[in-house]
C-alpha atoms as a PDB file:
ATOM      1  CA  MET A   1       7.453 116.620 -45.374  1.00  0.00           C
ATOM      2  CA  ARG A   2       6.251 115.020 -42.179  1.00  0.00           C
ATOM      3  CA  ASN A   3       3.838 112.797 -44.104  1.00  0.00           C
ATOM      4  CA  ALA A   4       6.636 111.614 -46.408  1.00  0.00           C
ATOM      5  CA  PHE A   5       8.827 110.742 -43.422  1.00  0.00           C
ATOM      6  CA  ARG A   6       5.992 108.804 -41.809  1.00  0.00           C
ATOM      7  CA  THR A   7       5.368 106.865 -45.041  1.00  0.00           C
ATOM      8  CA  LEU A   8       9.064 106.141 -45.515  1.00  0.00           C
ATOM      9  CA  SER A   9       9.466 104.899 -41.953  1.00  0.00           C
ATOM     10  CA  PHE A  10       6.389 102.688 -42.341  1.00  0.00           C
ATOM     11  CA  VAL A  11       7.816 101.134 -45.506  1.00  0.00           C
ATOM     12  CA  LEU A  12      11.166 100.535 -43.806  1.00  0.00           C
ATOM     13  CA  VAL A  13       9.471  98.827 -40.867  1.00  0.00           C
ATOM     14  CA  LEU A  14       7.507  96.591 -43.247  1.00  0.00           C
ATOM     15  CA  LEU A  15      10.673  95.657 -45.135  1.00  0.00           C
ATOM     16  CA  THR A  16      12.466  94.861 -41.883  1.00  0.00           C
ATOM     17  CA  LEU A  17       9.631  92.632 -40.715  1.00  0.00           C
ATOM     18  CA  ALA A  18       9.490  90.867 -44.075  1.00  0.00           C
ATOM     19  CA  ALA A  19      13.241  90.266 -44.038  1.00  0.00           C
ATOM     20  CA  SER A  20      13.150  88.852 -40.518  1.00  0.00           C
ATOM     21  CA  ALA A  21      10.249  86.541 -41.380  1.00  0.00           C
ATOM     22  CA  ALA A  22      11.846  85.229 -44.594  1.00  0.00           C
ATOM     23  CA  PRO A  23      14.056  82.524 -42.984  1.00  0.00           C
ATOM     24  CA  ALA A  24      11.098  81.156 -41.043  1.00  0.00           C
ATOM     25  CA  VAL A  25       9.010  80.938 -44.197  1.00  0.00           C
ATOM     26  CA  ALA A  26      11.891  79.366 -46.131  1.00  0.00           C
ATOM     27  CA  ASP A  27      11.928  76.254 -43.915  1.00  0.00           C
ATOM     28  CA  THR A  28       8.322  75.167 -44.187  1.00  0.00           C
ATOM     29  CA  PRO A  29       7.710  71.557 -45.254  1.00  0.00           C
ATOM     30  CA  ALA A  30       6.312  72.750 -48.569  1.00  0.00           C
ATOM     31  CA  SER A  31       9.400  74.761 -49.448  1.00  0.00           C
ATOM     32  CA  LYS A  32      11.726  71.926 -48.392  1.00  0.00           C
ATOM     33  CA  ALA A  33       9.815  69.563 -50.635  1.00  0.00           C
ATOM     34  CA  MET A  34      10.022  72.008 -53.526  1.00  0.00           C
ATOM     35  CA  ARG A  35      13.800  72.326 -53.063  1.00  0.00           C
ATOM     36  CA  LYS A  36      14.094  68.538 -53.225  1.00  0.00           C
ATOM     37  CA  GLY A  37      12.075  68.463 -56.427  1.00  0.00           C
ATOM     38  CA  GLN A  38       9.105  66.841 -54.746  1.00  0.00           C
ATOM     39  CA  ARG A  39       5.568  68.042 -54.446  1.00  0.00           C
ATOM     40  CA  TYR A  40       3.867  68.800 -51.163  1.00  0.00           C
ATOM     41  CA  THR A  41       0.394  67.363 -50.778  1.00  0.00           C
ATOM     42  CA  HIS A  42      -2.069  68.790 -48.311  1.00  0.00           C
ATOM     43  CA  ARG A  43      -3.942  65.509 -48.108  1.00  0.00           C
ATOM     44  CA  PRO A  44      -2.756  63.888 -44.859  1.00  0.00           C
ATOM     45  CA  TYR A  45      -3.490  60.257 -45.728  1.00  0.00           C
ATOM     46  CA  TYR A  46      -2.419  60.475 -49.350  1.00  0.00           C
ATOM     47  CA  LYS A  47      -0.010  57.533 -49.688  1.00  0.00           C
ATOM     48  CA  GLN A  48      -0.161  56.088 -46.211  1.00  0.00           C
ATOM     49  CA  TYR A  49      -1.441  52.685 -47.177  1.00  0.00           C
ATOM     50  CA  ARG A  50       0.905  52.258 -50.128  1.00  0.00           C
ATOM     51  CA  HIS A  51       4.107  53.044 -48.243  1.00  0.00           C
ATOM     52  CA  GLY A  52       3.272  52.721 -44.584  1.00  0.00           C
ATOM     53  CA  LYS A  53       5.466  55.649 -43.539  1.00  0.00           C
ATOM     54  CA  VAL A  54       4.208  59.018 -42.402  1.00  0.00           C
ATOM     55  CA  TRP A  55       6.906  61.029 -44.211  1.00  0.00           C
ATOM     56  CA  ASN A  56       5.876  59.583 -47.546  1.00  0.00           C
ATOM     57  CA  LEU A  57       2.453  61.108 -47.045  1.00  0.00           C
ATOM     58  CA  LEU A  58       3.824  64.616 -46.928  1.00  0.00           C
ATOM     59  CA  PHE A  59       6.631  64.281 -49.453  1.00  0.00           C
ATOM     60  CA  ALA A  60       5.239  62.019 -52.143  1.00  0.00           C
ATOM     61  CA  ARG A  61       7.322  61.954 -55.299  1.00  0.00           C
ATOM     62  CA  LYS A  62       5.753  63.007 -58.553  1.00  0.00           C
ATOM     63  CA  SER A  63       4.554  59.979 -60.473  1.00  0.00           C
END
């Protein structure tokens, strides 16, 4: 019985931590780009020379 309580409390703590971390994960640049229907590139200088703006590097529209 004690082992079951310990397991249940551990699972509840994990769920609480996951729920509190969800809003922070939801506002990453990658998730914002996916909500806008754009793709997030991890290449920092991807379209810098075509557009000349830093934000277009991170949130380049699908071509």
